[in-house]
Amino acid sequence: MASFEIKGGEHLKGNLVPQGAKNEALQVICAVLLSPEIIIIKNVPSIIDVNLLINLLKFLGVKVKKLGEKTYSFQADEINSEYLLSDEFREKGGKLRGSVMIVGALLARFKKACIPQPGGDKIGRRRLDTHFHGFKKLGANYYFDKKKNFYTVEAKNLKGNYILLEEASVTGTANILMVAVLSHGKTQIYNAACEPYIQQLCKMLNKMGAKISGIASNFLTIIGVKSLHSCEHRLLPDMIEIGSFIGLSVMTRSEITIKNVSYKDLGIIPNAFSKIGVFIEKRGDDIFIPKHENYKIN
């Protein structure tokens, strides 16, 4: 078993650069399946879940090229739909929680998708009800094979509808969005998740030719289009990692600078730390945390 030995009592100093956001990466990489044209995504983090998803898309027939250390191009012009029925797909897809979001993209474009019960982090019950109820509202039917632990979703026609989500599920909102952009007519999603990564997915889809309004709110309106085209998209830095870096500075009473944080997308993170007496200085798009001798809850 791997282990870490940590010797504390040292002050830290220097610059840290957060990687691209994992949760955004899983959404927007699945979205490349919506178009046969080339999609370029920048600031992609090299982590297990993201790499597993990229490899899964390769097996599906997506042409993937690594253009730089953190930049990839994707082209989904020759999808192998038979692979979805293979034992290999059931094994690989079942290991990755984020694989559930390929369903929305495949259903939108090909009117059929399959997915094993997704795996991923063991952090409690994570329902798929929101996803499938949303698909049904847009005209799809779904089936679950208990023996194979396998979902199949299909539709003859996809038509926009009003959808009230039972929970503001991030992945559920993302999946329903991807179906709605290629459905006929108008879709309205109320109680939608509105985290920065959902906003990023909406912005990417709009660059591809989608018509989504209400971005950053919990009420999204989507006017369906016939097809989507190529675009370039850059992932936000991972705000969970940024918050962890700030915590690292706080715990060790250290002076650090976190580079390229996309400050406007950090939400309540700076204010939450300021409430416990942490001073954070914004320097352009970097943040500087000076050494603190003590902290006072405000």
C-alpha atoms as a PDB file:
ATOM      1  CA  MET A   1       0.000   0.000   0.000  1.00  0.00           C
ATOM      2  CA  ALA A   2       1.291   3.489  -0.899  1.00  0.00           C
ATOM      3  CA  SER A   3       1.900   5.872   1.982  1.00  0.00           C
ATOM      4  CA  PHE A   4       3.150   9.375   2.713  1.00  0.00           C
ATOM      5  CA  GLU A   5       5.483  10.452   5.489  1.00  0.00           C
ATOM      6  CA  ILE A   6       4.929  14.085   6.433  1.00  0.00           C
ATOM      7  CA  LYS A   7       7.302  16.072   8.658  1.00  0.00           C
ATOM      8  CA  GLY A   8       5.529  19.237   9.765  1.00  0.00           C
ATOM      9  CA  GLY A   9       6.645  22.479  11.328  1.00  0.00           C
ATOM     10  CA  GLU A  10       7.986  24.083   8.151  1.00  0.00           C
ATOM     11  CA  HIS A  11       6.831  27.340   6.568  1.00  0.00           C
ATOM     12  CA  LEU A  12       6.202  27.272   2.816  1.00  0.00           C
ATOM     13  CA  LYS A  13       6.799  29.960   0.228  1.00  0.00           C
ATOM     14  CA  GLY A  14       6.395  30.129  -3.530  1.00  0.00           C
ATOM     15  CA  ASN A  15       4.014  30.042  -6.484  1.00  0.00           C
ATOM     16  CA  LEU A  16       1.403  27.393  -7.213  1.00  0.00           C
ATOM     17  CA  VAL A  17      -0.521  26.888 -10.468  1.00  0.00           C
ATOM     18  CA  PRO A  18      -3.858  25.021 -10.253  1.00  0.00           C
ATOM     19  CA  GLN A  19      -4.661  22.449 -12.912  1.00  0.00           C
ATOM     20  CA  GLY A  20      -7.735  22.503 -15.102  1.00  0.00           C
ATOM     21  CA  ALA A  21     -11.020  21.673 -13.389  1.00  0.00           C
ATOM     22  CA  LYS A  22     -11.782  17.951 -13.345  1.00  0.00           C
ATOM     23  CA  ASN A  23     -15.565  18.381 -13.033  1.00  0.00           C
ATOM     24  CA  GLU A  24     -15.697  20.730 -16.008  1.00  0.00           C
ATOM     25  CA  ALA A  25     -13.390  18.485 -18.038  1.00  0.00           C
ATOM     26  CA  LEU A  26     -15.696  15.471 -17.670  1.00  0.00           C
ATOM     27  CA  GLN A  27     -18.672  17.498 -18.922  1.00  0.00           C
ATOM     28  CA  VAL A  28     -17.116  19.269 -21.890  1.00  0.00           C
ATOM     29  CA  ILE A  29     -15.180  16.208 -23.088  1.00  0.00           C
ATOM     30  CA  CYS A  30     -18.471  14.277 -23.242  1.00  0.00           C
ATOM     31  CA  ALA A  31     -19.954  17.192 -25.203  1.00  0.00           C
ATOM     32  CA  VAL A  32     -17.544  16.608 -28.122  1.00  0.00           C
ATOM     33  CA  LEU A  33     -19.840  13.707 -29.079  1.00  0.00           C
ATOM     34  CA  LEU A  34     -22.517  16.238 -30.089  1.00  0.00           C
ATOM     35  CA  SER A  35     -20.713  17.253 -33.289  1.00  0.00           C
ATOM     36  CA  PRO A  36     -18.806  15.491 -36.084  1.00  0.00           C
ATOM     37  CA  GLU A  37     -16.476  18.489 -36.340  1.00  0.00           C
ATOM     38  CA  ILE A  38     -13.168  19.089 -34.550  1.00  0.00           C
ATOM     39  CA  ILE A  39     -13.404  20.422 -30.986  1.00  0.00           C
ATOM     40  CA  ILE A  40     -10.261  21.767 -29.291  1.00  0.00           C
ATOM     41  CA  ILE A  41     -10.121  21.802 -25.487  1.00  0.00           C
ATOM     42  CA  LYS A  42      -7.314  23.516 -23.568  1.00  0.00           C
ATOM     43  CA  ASN A  43      -6.029  23.256 -19.979  1.00  0.00           C
ATOM     44  CA  VAL A  44      -7.060  19.590 -19.696  1.00  0.00           C
ATOM     45  CA  PRO A  45      -5.765  18.057 -16.434  1.00  0.00           C
ATOM     46  CA  SER A  46      -3.816  14.806 -16.646  1.00  0.00           C
ATOM     47  CA  ILE A  47      -5.638  12.873 -13.926  1.00  0.00           C
ATOM     48  CA  ILE A  48      -7.049   9.359 -13.788  1.00  0.00           C
ATOM     49  CA  ASP A  49     -10.767  10.117 -14.322  1.00  0.00           C
ATOM     50  CA  VAL A  50     -10.116  12.459 -17.250  1.00  0.00           C
ATOM     51  CA  ASN A  51      -7.644  10.077 -18.892  1.00  0.00           C
ATOM     52  CA  LEU A  52     -10.083   7.170 -18.482  1.00  0.00           C
ATOM     53  CA  LEU A  53     -12.820   9.208 -20.177  1.00  0.00           C
ATOM     54  CA  ILE A  54     -10.555  10.217 -23.057  1.00  0.00           C
ATOM     55  CA  ASN A  55      -9.576   6.569 -23.574  1.00  0.00           C
ATOM     56  CA  LEU A  56     -13.248   5.543 -23.464  1.00  0.00           C
ATOM     57  CA  LEU A  57     -14.012   8.054 -26.251  1.00  0.00           C
ATOM     58  CA  LYS A  58     -11.144   6.642 -28.304  1.00  0.00           C
ATOM     59  CA  PHE A  59     -12.689   3.160 -28.069  1.00  0.00           C
ATOM     60  CA  LEU A  60     -15.996   4.694 -29.192  1.00  0.00           C
ATOM     61  CA  GLY A  61     -14.275   5.900 -32.357  1.00  0.00           C
ATOM     62  CA  VAL A  62     -13.505   9.518 -31.437  1.00  0.00           C
ATOM     63  CA  LYS A  63     -10.296  10.749 -33.063  1.00  0.00           C
ATOM     64  CA  VAL A  64      -8.192  12.225 -30.267  1.00  0.00           C
ATOM     65  CA  LYS A  65      -4.961  14.161 -30.783  1.00  0.00           C
ATOM     66  CA  LYS A  66      -2.757  15.648 -28.104  1.00  0.00           C
ATOM     67  CA  LEU A  67      -1.750  19.044 -29.468  1.00  0.00           C
ATOM     68  CA  GLY A  68       0.250  20.181 -26.436  1.00  0.00           C
ATOM     69  CA  GLU A  69       0.875  19.388 -22.788  1.00  0.00           C
ATOM     70  CA  LYS A  70      -2.717  20.278 -21.830  1.00  0.00           C
ATOM     71  CA  THR A  71      -4.456  20.698 -25.207  1.00  0.00           C
ATOM     72  CA  TYR A  72      -6.438  18.070 -27.112  1.00  0.00           C
ATOM     73  CA  SER A  73      -8.473  17.947 -30.290  1.00  0.00           C
ATOM     74  CA  PHE A  74     -11.484  15.633 -30.568  1.00  0.00           C
ATOM     75  CA  GLN A  75     -13.434  14.629 -33.653  1.00  0.00           C
ATOM     76  CA  ALA A  76     -16.468  12.361 -33.270  1.00  0.00           C
ATOM     77  CA  ASP A  77     -17.224  11.827 -36.966  1.00  0.00           C
ATOM     78  CA  GLU A  78     -17.062   8.013 -36.951  1.00  0.00           C
ATOM     79  CA  ILE A  79     -18.699   6.695 -33.802  1.00  0.00           C
ATOM     80  CA  ASN A  80     -18.712   2.913 -33.346  1.00  0.00           C
ATOM     81  CA  SER A  81     -22.150   2.374 -31.816  1.00  0.00           C
ATOM     82  CA  GLU A  82     -21.597  -1.401 -31.618  1.00  0.00           C
ATOM     83  CA  TYR A  83     -18.902  -0.811 -29.009  1.00  0.00           C
ATOM     84  CA  LEU A  84     -21.613   0.377 -26.603  1.00  0.00           C
ATOM     85  CA  LEU A  85     -22.956  -3.183 -26.450  1.00  0.00           C
ATOM     86  CA  SER A  86     -19.592  -4.820 -25.752  1.00  0.00           C
ATOM     87  CA  ASP A  87     -18.421  -6.355 -22.471  1.00  0.00           C
ATOM     88  CA  GLU A  88     -15.353  -4.148 -22.685  1.00  0.00           C
ATOM     89  CA  PHE A  89     -17.509  -0.999 -22.687  1.00  0.00           C
ATOM     90  CA  ARG A  90     -19.504  -2.262 -19.708  1.00  0.00           C
ATOM     91  CA  GLU A  91     -16.262  -2.809 -17.807  1.00  0.00           C
ATOM     92  CA  LYS A  92     -14.582   0.482 -18.746  1.00  0.00           C
ATOM     93  CA  GLY A  93     -17.700   2.649 -18.458  1.00  0.00           C
ATOM     94  CA  GLY A  94     -18.592   1.155 -15.105  1.00  0.00           C
ATOM     95  CA  LYS A  95     -15.313   2.348 -13.582  1.00  0.00           C
ATOM     96  CA  LEU A  96     -15.973   6.022 -14.225  1.00  0.00           C
ATOM     97  CA  ARG A  97     -18.739   8.127 -12.705  1.00  0.00           C
ATOM     98  CA  GLY A  98     -18.377  10.803 -15.389  1.00  0.00           C
ATOM     99  CA  SER A  99     -19.168   8.293 -18.131  1.00  0.00           C
ATOM    100  CA  VAL A 100     -22.882   8.840 -17.456  1.00  0.00           C
ATOM    101  CA  MET A 101     -22.654  12.153 -19.356  1.00  0.00           C
ATOM    102  CA  ILE A 102     -21.885  10.455 -22.666  1.00  0.00           C
ATOM    103  CA  VAL A 103     -25.526   9.283 -22.590  1.00  0.00           C
ATOM    104  CA  GLY A 104     -26.990  12.750 -23.157  1.00  0.00           C
ATOM    105  CA  ALA A 105     -24.656  13.538 -26.034  1.00  0.00           C
ATOM    106  CA  LEU A 106     -25.182  10.179 -27.775  1.00  0.00           C
ATOM    107  CA  LEU A 107     -28.954  10.291 -27.264  1.00  0.00           C
ATOM    108  CA  ALA A 108     -29.116  13.817 -28.675  1.00  0.00           C
ATOM    109  CA  ARG A 109     -27.139  13.003 -31.790  1.00  0.00           C
ATOM    110  CA  PHE A 110     -27.933   9.344 -32.499  1.00  0.00           C
ATOM    111  CA  LYS A 111     -31.278   8.906 -30.640  1.00  0.00           C
ATOM    112  CA  LYS A 112     -29.884   5.958 -28.686  1.00  0.00           C
ATOM    113  CA  ALA A 113     -27.335   5.419 -25.940  1.00  0.00           C
ATOM    114  CA  CYS A 114     -26.245   2.747 -23.492  1.00  0.00           C
ATOM    115  CA  ILE A 115     -24.322   2.958 -20.239  1.00  0.00           C
ATOM    116  CA  PRO A 116     -23.438   0.593 -17.392  1.00  0.00           C
ATOM    117  CA  GLN A 117     -24.241   1.638 -13.847  1.00  0.00           C
ATOM    118  CA  PRO A 118     -21.416   4.155 -13.341  1.00  0.00           C
ATOM    119  CA  GLY A 119     -18.720   3.747 -10.701  1.00  0.00           C
ATOM    120  CA  GLY A 120     -16.375   6.455  -9.412  1.00  0.00           C
ATOM    121  CA  ASP A 121     -15.820   7.836  -5.922  1.00  0.00           C
ATOM    122  CA  LYS A 122     -17.608   6.054  -3.061  1.00  0.00           C
ATOM    123  CA  ILE A 123     -19.135   9.122  -1.417  1.00  0.00           C
ATOM    124  CA  GLY A 124     -22.666   7.925  -0.828  1.00  0.00           C
ATOM    125  CA  ARG A 125     -25.814   7.508  -2.874  1.00  0.00           C
ATOM    126  CA  ARG A 126     -25.704   9.380  -6.170  1.00  0.00           C
ATOM    127  CA  ARG A 127     -28.986   8.964  -7.998  1.00  0.00           C
ATOM    128  CA  LEU A 128     -29.453   8.869 -11.755  1.00  0.00           C
ATOM    129  CA  ASP A 129     -33.195   9.578 -11.495  1.00  0.00           C
ATOM    130  CA  THR A 130     -32.738  13.236 -12.486  1.00  0.00           C
ATOM    131  CA  HIS A 131     -30.981  12.263 -15.707  1.00  0.00           C
ATOM    132  CA  PHE A 132     -33.526   9.723 -16.882  1.00  0.00           C
ATOM    133  CA  HIS A 133     -36.606  11.694 -15.848  1.00  0.00           C
ATOM    134  CA  GLY A 134     -35.211  14.593 -17.882  1.00  0.00           C
ATOM    135  CA  PHE A 135     -34.603  12.354 -20.892  1.00  0.00           C
ATOM    136  CA  LYS A 136     -38.171  11.047 -20.642  1.00  0.00           C
ATOM    137  CA  LYS A 137     -39.564  14.607 -20.580  1.00  0.00           C
ATOM    138  CA  LEU A 138     -37.731  15.215 -23.871  1.00  0.00           C
ATOM    139  CA  GLY A 139     -39.279  12.166 -25.516  1.00  0.00           C
ATOM    140  CA  ALA A 140     -36.921   9.290 -24.690  1.00  0.00           C
ATOM    141  CA  ASN A 141     -37.639   5.938 -23.075  1.00  0.00           C
ATOM    142  CA  TYR A 142     -35.173   4.084 -20.894  1.00  0.00           C
ATOM    143  CA  TYR A 143     -34.701   0.495 -19.767  1.00  0.00           C
ATOM    144  CA  PHE A 144     -32.549  -1.053 -17.062  1.00  0.00           C
ATOM    145  CA  ASP A 145     -31.201  -4.598 -17.316  1.00  0.00           C
ATOM    146  CA  LYS A 146     -30.770  -5.712 -13.695  1.00  0.00           C
ATOM    147  CA  LYS A 147     -28.725  -8.766 -14.625  1.00  0.00           C
ATOM    148  CA  LYS A 148     -26.159  -6.759 -16.588  1.00  0.00           C
ATOM    149  CA  ASN A 149     -26.560  -3.564 -14.534  1.00  0.00           C
ATOM    150  CA  PHE A 150     -27.000  -1.745 -17.836  1.00  0.00           C
ATOM    151  CA  TYR A 151     -29.119   1.206 -19.019  1.00  0.00           C
ATOM    152  CA  THR A 152     -30.450   1.727 -22.535  1.00  0.00           C
ATOM    153  CA  VAL A 153     -32.056   5.023 -23.600  1.00  0.00           C
ATOM    154  CA  GLU A 154     -33.636   5.681 -26.986  1.00  0.00           C
ATOM    155  CA  ALA A 155     -36.025   8.035 -28.756  1.00  0.00           C
ATOM    156  CA  LYS A 156     -37.670   8.323 -32.154  1.00  0.00           C
ATOM    157  CA  ASN A 157     -38.005  12.078 -31.792  1.00  0.00           C
ATOM    158  CA  LEU A 158     -36.706  14.492 -29.194  1.00  0.00           C
ATOM    159  CA  LYS A 159     -38.901  17.470 -28.418  1.00  0.00           C
ATOM    160  CA  GLY A 160     -38.376  20.383 -26.037  1.00  0.00           C
ATOM    161  CA  ASN A 161     -40.373  20.555 -22.820  1.00  0.00           C
ATOM    162  CA  TYR A 162     -40.599  22.260 -19.424  1.00  0.00           C
ATOM    163  CA  ILE A 163     -38.538  20.290 -16.897  1.00  0.00           C
ATOM    164  CA  LEU A 164     -38.587  20.870 -13.144  1.00  0.00           C
ATOM    165  CA  LEU A 165     -35.627  19.016 -11.666  1.00  0.00           C
ATOM    166  CA  GLU A 166     -36.238  17.262  -8.349  1.00  0.00           C
ATOM    167  CA  GLU A 167     -32.675  18.089  -7.346  1.00  0.00           C
ATOM    168  CA  ALA A 168     -30.171  20.611  -8.713  1.00  0.00           C
ATOM    169  CA  SER A 169     -27.902  17.835  -9.975  1.00  0.00           C
ATOM    170  CA  VAL A 170     -24.791  19.095 -11.780  1.00  0.00           C
ATOM    171  CA  THR A 171     -24.318  16.018 -13.960  1.00  0.00           C
ATOM    172  CA  GLY A 172     -28.087  15.707 -14.429  1.00  0.00           C
ATOM    173  CA  THR A 173     -28.309  19.316 -15.619  1.00  0.00           C
ATOM    174  CA  ALA A 174     -25.341  18.756 -17.954  1.00  0.00           C
ATOM    175  CA  ASN A 175     -26.852  15.592 -19.434  1.00  0.00           C
ATOM    176  CA  ILE A 176     -30.290  17.137 -19.997  1.00  0.00           C
ATOM    177  CA  LEU A 177     -28.699  20.250 -21.508  1.00  0.00           C
ATOM    178  CA  MET A 178     -26.833  18.149 -24.054  1.00  0.00           C
ATOM    179  CA  VAL A 179     -30.053  16.445 -25.132  1.00  0.00           C
ATOM    180  CA  ALA A 180     -32.022  19.695 -25.221  1.00  0.00           C
ATOM    181  CA  VAL A 181     -29.637  21.544 -27.552  1.00  0.00           C
ATOM    182  CA  LEU A 182     -30.447  19.086 -30.365  1.00  0.00           C
ATOM    183  CA  SER A 183     -34.137  18.597 -29.501  1.00  0.00           C
ATOM    184  CA  HIS A 184     -36.890  20.221 -31.566  1.00  0.00           C
ATOM    185  CA  GLY A 185     -38.367  23.379 -30.068  1.00  0.00           C
ATOM    186  CA  LYS A 186     -37.916  25.054 -26.683  1.00  0.00           C
ATOM    187  CA  THR A 187     -36.778  23.420 -23.463  1.00  0.00           C
ATOM    188  CA  GLN A 188     -36.899  25.128 -20.066  1.00  0.00           C
ATOM    189  CA  ILE A 189     -35.005  23.641 -17.134  1.00  0.00           C
ATOM    190  CA  TYR A 190     -36.013  24.933 -13.704  1.00  0.00           C
ATOM    191  CA  ASN A 191     -33.991  24.182 -10.550  1.00  0.00           C
ATOM    192  CA  ALA A 192     -30.992  23.666 -12.814  1.00  0.00           C
ATOM    193  CA  ALA A 193     -27.526  23.543 -11.290  1.00  0.00           C
ATOM    194  CA  CYS A 194     -25.725  26.839 -11.890  1.00  0.00           C
ATOM    195  CA  GLU A 195     -22.150  26.121 -10.746  1.00  0.00           C
ATOM    196  CA  PRO A 196     -19.315  27.683 -12.794  1.00  0.00           C
ATOM    197  CA  TYR A 197     -18.676  24.389 -14.576  1.00  0.00           C
ATOM    198  CA  ILE A 198     -22.279  24.208 -15.829  1.00  0.00           C
ATOM    199  CA  GLN A 199     -21.872  27.805 -16.985  1.00  0.00           C
ATOM    200  CA  GLN A 200     -18.738  26.766 -18.852  1.00  0.00           C
ATOM    201  CA  LEU A 201     -20.553  23.887 -20.555  1.00  0.00           C
ATOM    202  CA  CYS A 202     -23.311  26.293 -21.632  1.00  0.00           C
ATOM    203  CA  LYS A 203     -20.770  28.741 -23.031  1.00  0.00           C
ATOM    204  CA  MET A 204     -18.997  25.977 -24.949  1.00  0.00           C
ATOM    205  CA  LEU A 205     -22.276  24.683 -26.384  1.00  0.00           C
ATOM    206  CA  ASN A 206     -23.237  28.215 -27.445  1.00  0.00           C
ATOM    207  CA  LYS A 207     -19.874  28.553 -29.219  1.00  0.00           C
ATOM    208  CA  MET A 208     -20.786  25.327 -31.039  1.00  0.00           C
ATOM    209  CA  GLY A 209     -24.045  26.897 -32.251  1.00  0.00           C
ATOM    210  CA  ALA A 210     -26.473  26.067 -29.419  1.00  0.00           C
ATOM    211  CA  LYS A 211     -28.993  28.632 -28.177  1.00  0.00           C
ATOM    212  CA  ILE A 212     -28.927  28.648 -24.370  1.00  0.00           C
ATOM    213  CA  SER A 213     -30.026  31.593 -22.243  1.00  0.00           C
ATOM    214  CA  GLY A 214     -30.281  32.086 -18.492  1.00  0.00           C
ATOM    215  CA  ILE A 215     -26.663  31.028 -17.953  1.00  0.00           C
ATOM    216  CA  ALA A 216     -25.566  31.420 -14.285  1.00  0.00           C
ATOM    217  CA  SER A 217     -29.175  31.126 -13.083  1.00  0.00           C
ATOM    218  CA  ASN A 218     -31.253  28.115 -12.061  1.00  0.00           C
ATOM    219  CA  PHE A 219     -33.659  28.625 -14.965  1.00  0.00           C
ATOM    220  CA  LEU A 220     -32.217  27.724 -18.358  1.00  0.00           C
ATOM    221  CA  THR A 221     -33.961  28.148 -21.698  1.00  0.00           C
ATOM    222  CA  ILE A 222     -32.719  26.187 -24.699  1.00  0.00           C
ATOM    223  CA  ILE A 223     -33.913  26.586 -28.291  1.00  0.00           C
ATOM    224  CA  GLY A 224     -33.011  23.408 -30.143  1.00  0.00           C
ATOM    225  CA  VAL A 225     -30.859  23.506 -33.273  1.00  0.00           C
ATOM    226  CA  LYS A 226     -30.331  20.923 -36.007  1.00  0.00           C
ATOM    227  CA  SER A 227     -26.581  20.510 -35.604  1.00  0.00           C
ATOM    228  CA  LEU A 228     -23.506  21.811 -33.791  1.00  0.00           C
ATOM    229  CA  HIS A 229     -20.097  22.756 -35.171  1.00  0.00           C
ATOM    230  CA  SER A 230     -16.463  23.060 -34.110  1.00  0.00           C
ATOM    231  CA  CYS A 231     -15.121  25.361 -31.407  1.00  0.00           C
ATOM    232  CA  GLU A 232     -12.223  25.979 -29.045  1.00  0.00           C
ATOM    233  CA  HIS A 233     -12.748  25.911 -25.296  1.00  0.00           C
ATOM    234  CA  ARG A 234     -10.494  26.496 -22.287  1.00  0.00           C
ATOM    235  CA  LEU A 235     -11.184  24.873 -18.924  1.00  0.00           C
ATOM    236  CA  LEU A 236     -11.329  26.951 -15.768  1.00  0.00           C
ATOM    237  CA  PRO A 237      -8.723  26.292 -13.078  1.00  0.00           C
ATOM    238  CA  ASP A 238      -9.959  23.851 -10.449  1.00  0.00           C
ATOM    239  CA  MET A 239     -11.476  25.923  -7.646  1.00  0.00           C
ATOM    240  CA  ILE A 240     -11.469  22.924  -5.293  1.00  0.00           C
ATOM    241  CA  GLU A 241      -7.705  22.783  -5.735  1.00  0.00           C
ATOM    242  CA  ILE A 242      -7.425  26.569  -5.258  1.00  0.00           C
ATOM    243  CA  GLY A 243      -9.359  26.330  -1.985  1.00  0.00           C
ATOM    244  CA  SER A 244      -7.053  23.497  -0.901  1.00  0.00           C
ATOM    245  CA  PHE A 245      -3.974  25.617  -1.662  1.00  0.00           C
ATOM    246  CA  ILE A 246      -5.383  28.472   0.437  1.00  0.00           C
ATOM    247  CA  GLY A 247      -6.016  25.988   3.249  1.00  0.00           C
ATOM    248  CA  LEU A 248      -2.431  24.760   2.909  1.00  0.00           C
ATOM    249  CA  SER A 249      -1.187  28.310   3.428  1.00  0.00           C
ATOM    250  CA  VAL A 250      -3.480  28.791   6.422  1.00  0.00           C
ATOM    251  CA  MET A 251      -2.495  25.550   8.180  1.00  0.00           C
ATOM    252  CA  THR A 252       1.249  26.164   7.783  1.00  0.00           C
ATOM    253  CA  ARG A 253       1.117  29.963   8.282  1.00  0.00           C
ATOM    254  CA  SER A 254       2.902  30.349   4.974  1.00  0.00           C
ATOM    255  CA  GLU A 255       3.181  32.954   2.235  1.00  0.00           C
ATOM    256  CA  ILE A 256       2.118  31.672  -1.174  1.00  0.00           C
ATOM    257  CA  THR A 257       0.890  32.992  -4.516  1.00  0.00           C
ATOM    258  CA  ILE A 258      -1.667  31.029  -6.517  1.00  0.00           C
ATOM    259  CA  LYS A 259      -1.416  31.857 -10.213  1.00  0.00           C
ATOM    260  CA  ASN A 260      -4.137  32.197 -12.849  1.00  0.00           C
ATOM    261  CA  VAL A 261      -7.115  31.488 -10.588  1.00  0.00           C
ATOM    262  CA  SER A 262      -9.899  33.065 -12.741  1.00  0.00           C
ATOM    263  CA  TYR A 263     -10.858  35.136  -9.706  1.00  0.00           C
ATOM    264  CA  LYS A 264     -14.331  36.064 -10.960  1.00  0.00           C
ATOM    265  CA  ASP A 265     -15.261  32.365 -10.968  1.00  0.00           C
ATOM    266  CA  LEU A 266     -14.124  31.589  -7.404  1.00  0.00           C
ATOM    267  CA  GLY A 267     -17.533  32.396  -5.954  1.00  0.00           C
ATOM    268  CA  ILE A 268     -17.633  32.428  -2.148  1.00  0.00           C
ATOM    269  CA  ILE A 269     -14.166  30.915  -1.634  1.00  0.00           C
ATOM    270  CA  PRO A 270     -12.291  34.199  -0.879  1.00  0.00           C
ATOM    271  CA  ASN A 271     -15.079  35.466   1.409  1.00  0.00           C
ATOM    272  CA  ALA A 272     -15.293  32.154   3.262  1.00  0.00           C
ATOM    273  CA  PHE A 273     -11.606  32.340   4.159  1.00  0.00           C
ATOM    274  CA  SER A 274     -11.810  36.035   5.037  1.00  0.00           C
ATOM    275  CA  LYS A 275     -14.419  35.145   7.691  1.00  0.00           C
ATOM    276  CA  ILE A 276     -11.776  33.213   9.624  1.00  0.00           C
ATOM    277  CA  GLY A 277      -9.281  36.070   9.336  1.00  0.00           C
ATOM    278  CA  VAL A 278      -7.359  35.036   6.225  1.00  0.00           C
ATOM    279  CA  PHE A 279      -6.242  38.014   4.176  1.00  0.00           C
ATOM    280  CA  ILE A 280      -6.256  37.326   0.425  1.00  0.00           C
ATOM    281  CA  GLU A 281      -4.846  39.911  -1.943  1.00  0.00           C
ATOM    282  CA  LYS A 282      -5.956  39.884  -5.592  1.00  0.00           C
ATOM    283  CA  ARG A 283      -3.051  40.614  -7.955  1.00  0.00           C
ATOM    284  CA  GLY A 284      -4.375  40.643 -11.496  1.00  0.00           C
ATOM    285  CA  ASP A 285      -5.707  37.111 -11.904  1.00  0.00           C
ATOM    286  CA  ASP A 286      -3.416  35.760  -9.159  1.00  0.00           C
ATOM    287  CA  ILE A 287      -4.084  35.686  -5.415  1.00  0.00           C
ATOM    288  CA  PHE A 288      -1.448  36.274  -2.744  1.00  0.00           C
ATOM    289  CA  ILE A 289      -1.824  34.928   0.792  1.00  0.00           C
ATOM    290  CA  PRO A 290       0.706  36.493   3.183  1.00  0.00           C
ATOM    291  CA  LYS A 291       2.097  34.755   6.233  1.00  0.00           C
ATOM    292  CA  HIS A 292      -0.304  35.075   9.161  1.00  0.00           C
ATOM    293  CA  GLU A 293       0.819  34.876  12.782  1.00  0.00           C
ATOM    294  CA  ASN A 294      -2.735  34.293  13.952  1.00  0.00           C
ATOM    295  CA  TYR A 295      -6.290  34.237  12.648  1.00  0.00           C
ATOM    296  CA  LYS A 296      -9.352  35.988  13.994  1.00  0.00           C
ATOM    297  CA  ILE A 297     -12.886  34.925  13.111  1.00  0.00           C
ATOM    298  CA  ASN A 298     -14.788  37.950  11.782  1.00  0.00           C
END
